Amino acid sequence: MTDQRSFARTVIALSLAVIACCALTFTIMLLAGSPAVQPQRVLDQDALARAVLNGVESDAAFAKPPTVDDVSCPASIPVEAGREFKCKVNGVGDGNSSGLAWVKVKIEDDQGDLSLG
């Protein structure tokens, strides 16, 4: 009977030690900024709108140059190399044009560098 109690105490002590090690490991990873816990990086919406606007500012589809407020892009775009999406520039057109332009944007690298097409 004493052997069973001793064995049970040993198993419980070992289980508590394993749980403590797991908690310590998780805490260290959290404090060290492990990629598993860091939030995903997304493009800055204002910088994206300015970049798109610079790409279409002299376009003939607009009677007057559009402003940053005329640019609409998808929200919260993750910074992933190779990702492509489109932004819409809705400005004022003249009698021959709509004043609407679509700009294809590609994220070139994981630093958020963009190319416009």
N, C-alpha and C. Protein backbone atom coordinates (compact mmCIF):
# COMPACT_ATOMS: atom_id res chain seq x y z
N MET A 1 0.81 -1.19 0.00
CA MET A 1 0.00 0.00 0.00
C MET A 1 0.86 1.26 0.00
N THR A 2 1.95 1.23 0.74
CA THR A 2 2.83 2.39 0.79
C THR A 2 3.51 2.60 -0.56
N ASP A 3 3.80 1.53 -1.26
CA ASP A 3 4.42 1.65 -2.58
C ASP A 3 3.48 2.33 -3.57
N GLN A 4 2.18 2.06 -3.47
CA GLN A 4 1.21 2.69 -4.37
C GLN A 4 1.11 4.19 -4.10
N ARG A 5 1.13 4.57 -2.83
CA ARG A 5 1.06 5.99 -2.48
C ARG A 5 2.32 6.71 -2.93
N SER A 6 3.44 6.07 -2.77
CA SER A 6 4.71 6.66 -3.19
C SER A 6 4.74 6.83 -4.70
N PHE A 7 4.25 5.83 -5.43
CA PHE A 7 4.19 5.91 -6.89
C PHE A 7 3.26 7.04 -7.33
N ALA A 8 2.09 7.15 -6.68
CA ALA A 8 1.11 8.19 -7.02
C ALA A 8 1.70 9.58 -6.76
N ARG A 9 2.40 9.75 -5.66
CA ARG A 9 3.03 11.04 -5.36
C ARG A 9 4.10 11.37 -6.40
N THR A 10 4.85 10.38 -6.83
CA THR A 10 5.90 10.59 -7.84
C THR A 10 5.27 11.01 -9.17
N VAL A 11 4.20 10.37 -9.57
CA VAL A 11 3.52 10.70 -10.82
C VAL A 11 2.95 12.12 -10.75
N ILE A 12 2.34 12.46 -9.63
CA ILE A 12 1.78 13.81 -9.48
C ILE A 12 2.88 14.86 -9.51
N ALA A 13 3.99 14.62 -8.83
CA ALA A 13 5.11 15.56 -8.82
C ALA A 13 5.68 15.73 -10.22
N LEU A 14 5.82 14.65 -10.94
CA LEU A 14 6.36 14.70 -12.30
C LEU A 14 5.40 15.47 -13.22
N SER A 15 4.10 15.25 -13.09
CA SER A 15 3.10 15.95 -13.89
C SER A 15 3.14 17.45 -13.63
N LEU A 16 3.26 17.83 -12.36
CA LEU A 16 3.34 19.25 -12.02
C LEU A 16 4.61 19.88 -12.58
N ALA A 17 5.71 19.14 -12.58
CA ALA A 17 6.96 19.65 -13.14
C ALA A 17 6.83 19.88 -14.65
N VAL A 18 6.18 18.97 -15.36
CA VAL A 18 5.98 19.12 -16.80
C VAL A 18 5.09 20.33 -17.09
N ILE A 19 4.04 20.51 -16.33
CA ILE A 19 3.15 21.65 -16.52
C ILE A 19 3.90 22.96 -16.26
N ALA A 20 4.71 22.99 -15.23
CA ALA A 20 5.49 24.19 -14.91
C ALA A 20 6.47 24.50 -16.04
N CYS A 21 7.11 23.49 -16.59
CA CYS A 21 8.05 23.71 -17.72
C CYS A 21 7.32 24.25 -18.94
N CYS A 22 6.14 23.72 -19.24
CA CYS A 22 5.37 24.22 -20.39
C CYS A 22 4.97 25.68 -20.18
N ALA A 23 4.53 26.03 -18.99
CA ALA A 23 4.14 27.41 -18.70
C ALA A 23 5.35 28.33 -18.82
N LEU A 24 6.50 27.90 -18.32
CA LEU A 24 7.71 28.70 -18.41
C LEU A 24 8.14 28.90 -19.87
N THR A 25 8.08 27.85 -20.67
CA THR A 25 8.43 27.94 -22.09
C THR A 25 7.51 28.91 -22.82
N PHE A 26 6.21 28.83 -22.57
CA PHE A 26 5.26 29.73 -23.21
C PHE A 26 5.54 31.18 -22.82
N THR A 27 5.82 31.42 -21.54
CA THR A 27 6.10 32.77 -21.07
C THR A 27 7.35 33.33 -21.73
N ILE A 28 8.39 32.52 -21.83
CA ILE A 28 9.63 32.96 -22.48
C ILE A 28 9.38 33.29 -23.94
N MET A 29 8.63 32.45 -24.65
CA MET A 29 8.33 32.71 -26.06
C MET A 29 7.52 33.99 -26.22
N LEU A 30 6.59 34.23 -25.33
CA LEU A 30 5.76 35.43 -25.39
C LEU A 30 6.60 36.68 -25.17
N LEU A 31 7.49 36.64 -24.18
CA LEU A 31 8.33 37.80 -23.89
C LEU A 31 9.40 38.02 -24.95
N ALA A 32 9.84 36.96 -25.60
CA ALA A 32 10.88 37.08 -26.62
C ALA A 32 10.32 37.54 -27.96
N GLY A 33 9.01 37.58 -28.09
CA GLY A 33 8.41 38.04 -29.35
C GLY A 33 8.41 36.96 -30.41
N SER A 34 8.07 35.77 -30.04
CA SER A 34 8.01 34.66 -30.98
C SER A 34 7.09 34.99 -32.14
N PRO A 35 7.45 34.60 -33.37
CA PRO A 35 6.58 34.88 -34.52
C PRO A 35 5.18 34.29 -34.38
N ALA A 36 5.05 33.25 -33.58
CA ALA A 36 3.75 32.62 -33.41
C ALA A 36 2.78 33.54 -32.67
N VAL A 37 3.31 34.51 -31.89
CA VAL A 37 2.44 35.36 -31.11
C VAL A 37 2.41 36.79 -31.62
N GLN A 38 3.26 37.15 -32.55
CA GLN A 38 3.28 38.51 -33.08
C GLN A 38 2.11 38.71 -34.03
N PRO A 39 1.50 39.89 -34.00
CA PRO A 39 0.40 40.16 -34.93
C PRO A 39 0.93 40.26 -36.36
N GLN A 40 0.07 39.94 -37.30
CA GLN A 40 0.45 39.98 -38.71
C GLN A 40 0.62 41.43 -39.16
N ARG A 41 1.68 41.70 -39.92
CA ARG A 41 1.92 43.06 -40.43
C ARG A 41 0.99 43.32 -41.61
N VAL A 42 0.43 44.52 -41.65
CA VAL A 42 -0.45 44.92 -42.75
C VAL A 42 0.06 46.24 -43.34
N LEU A 43 -0.34 46.51 -44.57
CA LEU A 43 0.06 47.75 -45.23
C LEU A 43 -0.60 48.95 -44.58
N ASP A 44 0.13 50.05 -44.52
CA ASP A 44 -0.39 51.32 -44.03
C ASP A 44 -1.33 51.88 -45.09
N GLN A 45 -2.60 52.07 -44.73
CA GLN A 45 -3.62 52.51 -45.70
C GLN A 45 -3.30 53.88 -46.29
N ASP A 46 -2.83 54.82 -45.48
CA ASP A 46 -2.53 56.16 -45.99
C ASP A 46 -1.37 56.14 -46.97
N ALA A 47 -0.30 55.41 -46.63
CA ALA A 47 0.86 55.32 -47.52
C ALA A 47 0.47 54.60 -48.82
N LEU A 48 -0.37 53.58 -48.71
CA LEU A 48 -0.83 52.86 -49.89
C LEU A 48 -1.64 53.79 -50.80
N ALA A 49 -2.54 54.56 -50.23
CA ALA A 49 -3.36 55.49 -51.03
C ALA A 49 -2.48 56.53 -51.72
N ARG A 50 -1.46 57.05 -51.01
CA ARG A 50 -0.57 58.03 -51.63
C ARG A 50 0.23 57.40 -52.78
N ALA A 51 0.69 56.16 -52.60
CA ALA A 51 1.44 55.48 -53.66
C ALA A 51 0.56 55.26 -54.89
N VAL A 52 -0.67 54.82 -54.68
CA VAL A 52 -1.60 54.60 -55.79
C VAL A 52 -1.89 55.92 -56.48
N LEU A 53 -2.12 56.95 -55.71
CA LEU A 53 -2.42 58.27 -56.27
C LEU A 53 -1.27 58.78 -57.12
N ASN A 54 -0.04 58.58 -56.67
CA ASN A 54 1.13 59.00 -57.46
C ASN A 54 1.22 58.25 -58.78
N GLY A 55 0.67 57.04 -58.81
CA GLY A 55 0.71 56.25 -60.04
C GLY A 55 -0.31 56.66 -61.08
N VAL A 56 -1.36 57.39 -60.69
CA VAL A 56 -2.42 57.76 -61.64
C VAL A 56 -2.65 59.26 -61.73
N GLU A 57 -1.87 60.03 -61.05
CA GLU A 57 -2.12 61.48 -60.95
C GLU A 57 -2.20 62.17 -62.31
N SER A 58 -1.39 61.77 -63.26
CA SER A 58 -1.38 62.44 -64.56
C SER A 58 -2.24 61.71 -65.59
N ASP A 59 -3.06 60.77 -65.15
CA ASP A 59 -3.88 59.99 -66.07
C ASP A 59 -4.91 60.88 -66.75
N ALA A 60 -5.14 60.66 -68.04
CA ALA A 60 -6.06 61.49 -68.83
C ALA A 60 -7.53 61.22 -68.54
N ALA A 61 -7.83 60.21 -67.73
CA ALA A 61 -9.23 59.88 -67.43
C ALA A 61 -9.85 60.86 -66.45
N PHE A 62 -9.06 61.78 -65.90
CA PHE A 62 -9.56 62.68 -64.88
C PHE A 62 -9.59 64.12 -65.37
N ALA A 63 -10.71 64.79 -65.15
CA ALA A 63 -10.82 66.21 -65.51
C ALA A 63 -10.01 67.05 -64.53
N LYS A 64 -9.99 66.63 -63.28
CA LYS A 64 -9.13 67.28 -62.28
C LYS A 64 -8.41 66.18 -61.51
N PRO A 65 -7.20 66.44 -61.05
CA PRO A 65 -6.45 65.39 -60.35
C PRO A 65 -7.19 64.89 -59.10
N PRO A 66 -7.26 63.57 -58.91
CA PRO A 66 -7.93 63.04 -57.72
C PRO A 66 -7.08 63.29 -56.47
N THR A 67 -7.70 63.14 -55.32
CA THR A 67 -7.01 63.31 -54.04
C THR A 67 -6.90 61.95 -53.34
N VAL A 68 -6.22 61.94 -52.22
CA VAL A 68 -6.06 60.70 -51.45
C VAL A 68 -7.43 60.16 -51.03
N ASP A 69 -8.38 61.04 -50.79
CA ASP A 69 -9.72 60.61 -50.39
C ASP A 69 -10.46 59.87 -51.51
N ASP A 70 -10.00 60.03 -52.76
CA ASP A 70 -10.64 59.37 -53.90
C ASP A 70 -10.13 57.95 -54.12
N VAL A 71 -9.13 57.52 -53.34
CA VAL A 71 -8.53 56.20 -53.51
C VAL A 71 -9.15 55.23 -52.51
N SER A 72 -9.59 54.08 -53.00
CA SER A 72 -10.09 53.05 -52.09
C SER A 72 -9.41 51.72 -52.42
N CYS A 73 -8.79 51.15 -51.39
CA CYS A 73 -8.07 49.88 -51.50
C CYS A 73 -8.64 48.92 -50.45
N PRO A 74 -8.44 47.63 -50.65
CA PRO A 74 -8.87 46.67 -49.62
C PRO A 74 -8.20 46.99 -48.29
N ALA A 75 -8.90 46.77 -47.20
CA ALA A 75 -8.37 47.07 -45.87
C ALA A 75 -7.56 45.90 -45.32
N SER A 76 -6.61 46.22 -44.47
CA SER A 76 -5.82 45.24 -43.72
C SER A 76 -5.17 44.19 -44.62
N ILE A 77 -4.42 44.65 -45.60
CA ILE A 77 -3.74 43.73 -46.53
C ILE A 77 -2.44 43.26 -45.87
N PRO A 78 -2.29 41.94 -45.66
CA PRO A 78 -1.06 41.42 -45.05
C PRO A 78 0.14 41.67 -45.96
N VAL A 79 1.28 41.98 -45.34
CA VAL A 79 2.51 42.19 -46.09
C VAL A 79 3.10 40.82 -46.42
N GLU A 80 2.85 40.36 -47.63
CA GLU A 80 3.34 39.08 -48.13
C GLU A 80 3.89 39.30 -49.53
N ALA A 81 5.14 38.95 -49.74
CA ALA A 81 5.75 39.12 -51.06
C ALA A 81 4.94 38.38 -52.11
N GLY A 82 4.67 39.06 -53.24
CA GLY A 82 3.95 38.45 -54.35
C GLY A 82 2.45 38.68 -54.31
N ARG A 83 1.91 39.15 -53.21
CA ARG A 83 0.46 39.38 -53.12
C ARG A 83 0.06 40.51 -54.07
N GLU A 84 -1.04 40.31 -54.80
CA GLU A 84 -1.54 41.32 -55.74
C GLU A 84 -2.99 41.66 -55.40
N PHE A 85 -3.35 42.90 -55.64
CA PHE A 85 -4.72 43.36 -55.42
C PHE A 85 -4.93 44.62 -56.25
N LYS A 86 -6.17 45.09 -56.31
CA LYS A 86 -6.49 46.29 -57.08
C LYS A 86 -7.06 47.37 -56.17
N CYS A 87 -6.73 48.61 -56.50
CA CYS A 87 -7.28 49.78 -55.82
C CYS A 87 -8.06 50.60 -56.84
N LYS A 88 -9.10 51.25 -56.38
CA LYS A 88 -9.94 52.05 -57.26
C LYS A 88 -9.71 53.53 -56.96
N VAL A 89 -9.55 54.30 -58.04
CA VAL A 89 -9.43 55.75 -57.91
C VAL A 89 -10.67 56.33 -58.58
N ASN A 90 -11.50 56.98 -57.78
CA ASN A 90 -12.76 57.51 -58.27
C ASN A 90 -12.69 59.04 -58.22
N GLY A 91 -12.35 59.64 -59.34
CA GLY A 91 -12.21 61.09 -59.42
C GLY A 91 -13.31 61.70 -60.26
N VAL A 92 -13.05 62.88 -60.75
CA VAL A 92 -14.02 63.60 -61.58
C VAL A 92 -13.60 63.43 -63.04
N GLY A 93 -14.51 62.91 -63.84
CA GLY A 93 -14.22 62.73 -65.26
C GLY A 93 -14.70 63.92 -66.07
N ASP A 94 -14.21 63.97 -67.29
CA ASP A 94 -14.71 65.01 -68.18
C ASP A 94 -15.81 64.39 -69.05
N GLY A 95 -16.25 65.06 -70.05
CA GLY A 95 -17.34 64.55 -70.90
C GLY A 95 -16.98 63.27 -71.64
N ASN A 96 -15.69 63.01 -71.85
CA ASN A 96 -15.26 61.84 -72.62
C ASN A 96 -14.79 60.68 -71.75
N SER A 97 -14.63 60.88 -70.47
CA SER A 97 -14.10 59.80 -69.63
C SER A 97 -14.88 59.72 -68.32
N SER A 98 -14.77 58.57 -67.69
CA SER A 98 -15.56 58.32 -66.48
C SER A 98 -14.95 58.89 -65.22
N GLY A 99 -13.65 59.12 -65.23
CA GLY A 99 -12.98 59.56 -64.01
C GLY A 99 -12.74 58.42 -63.04
N LEU A 100 -12.78 57.20 -63.54
CA LEU A 100 -12.58 56.02 -62.72
C LEU A 100 -11.36 55.26 -63.23
N ALA A 101 -10.49 54.86 -62.32
CA ALA A 101 -9.31 54.09 -62.72
C ALA A 101 -9.07 52.97 -61.71
N TRP A 102 -8.64 51.84 -62.21
CA TRP A 102 -8.24 50.71 -61.36
C TRP A 102 -6.73 50.59 -61.46
N VAL A 103 -6.08 50.43 -60.32
CA VAL A 103 -4.63 50.31 -60.29
C VAL A 103 -4.28 48.97 -59.67
N LYS A 104 -3.50 48.18 -60.41
CA LYS A 104 -3.05 46.89 -59.90
C LYS A 104 -1.80 47.13 -59.05
N VAL A 105 -1.82 46.61 -57.83
CA VAL A 105 -0.71 46.79 -56.89
C VAL A 105 -0.14 45.42 -56.55
N LYS A 106 1.18 45.33 -56.53
CA LYS A 106 1.85 44.08 -56.16
C LYS A 106 2.84 44.38 -55.04
N ILE A 107 2.81 43.56 -54.00
CA ILE A 107 3.77 43.69 -52.91
C ILE A 107 5.02 42.94 -53.35
N GLU A 108 6.12 43.65 -53.48
CA GLU A 108 7.36 43.07 -54.02
C GLU A 108 8.13 42.23 -53.01
N ASP A 109 8.15 42.64 -51.74
CA ASP A 109 8.93 41.90 -50.75
C ASP A 109 8.27 42.00 -49.39
N ASP A 110 8.84 41.32 -48.41
CA ASP A 110 8.24 41.32 -47.08
C ASP A 110 8.50 42.60 -46.29
N GLN A 111 9.13 43.59 -46.94
CA GLN A 111 9.30 44.91 -46.34
C GLN A 111 8.15 45.84 -46.72
N GLY A 112 7.29 45.42 -47.63
CA GLY A 112 6.15 46.22 -48.04
C GLY A 112 6.40 47.11 -49.25
N ASP A 113 7.51 46.87 -49.98
CA ASP A 113 7.76 47.65 -51.19
C ASP A 113 6.71 47.27 -52.25
N LEU A 114 6.20 48.27 -52.96
CA LEU A 114 5.09 48.07 -53.89
C LEU A 114 5.52 48.36 -55.33
N SER A 115 4.85 47.70 -56.26
CA SER A 115 4.95 48.06 -57.68
C SER A 115 3.53 48.26 -58.18
N LEU A 116 3.35 49.27 -59.02
CA LEU A 116 2.01 49.59 -59.55
C LEU A 116 1.97 49.26 -61.02
N GLY A 117 0.85 48.73 -61.43
CA GLY A 117 0.73 48.36 -62.84
C GLY A 117 -0.58 48.75 -63.43
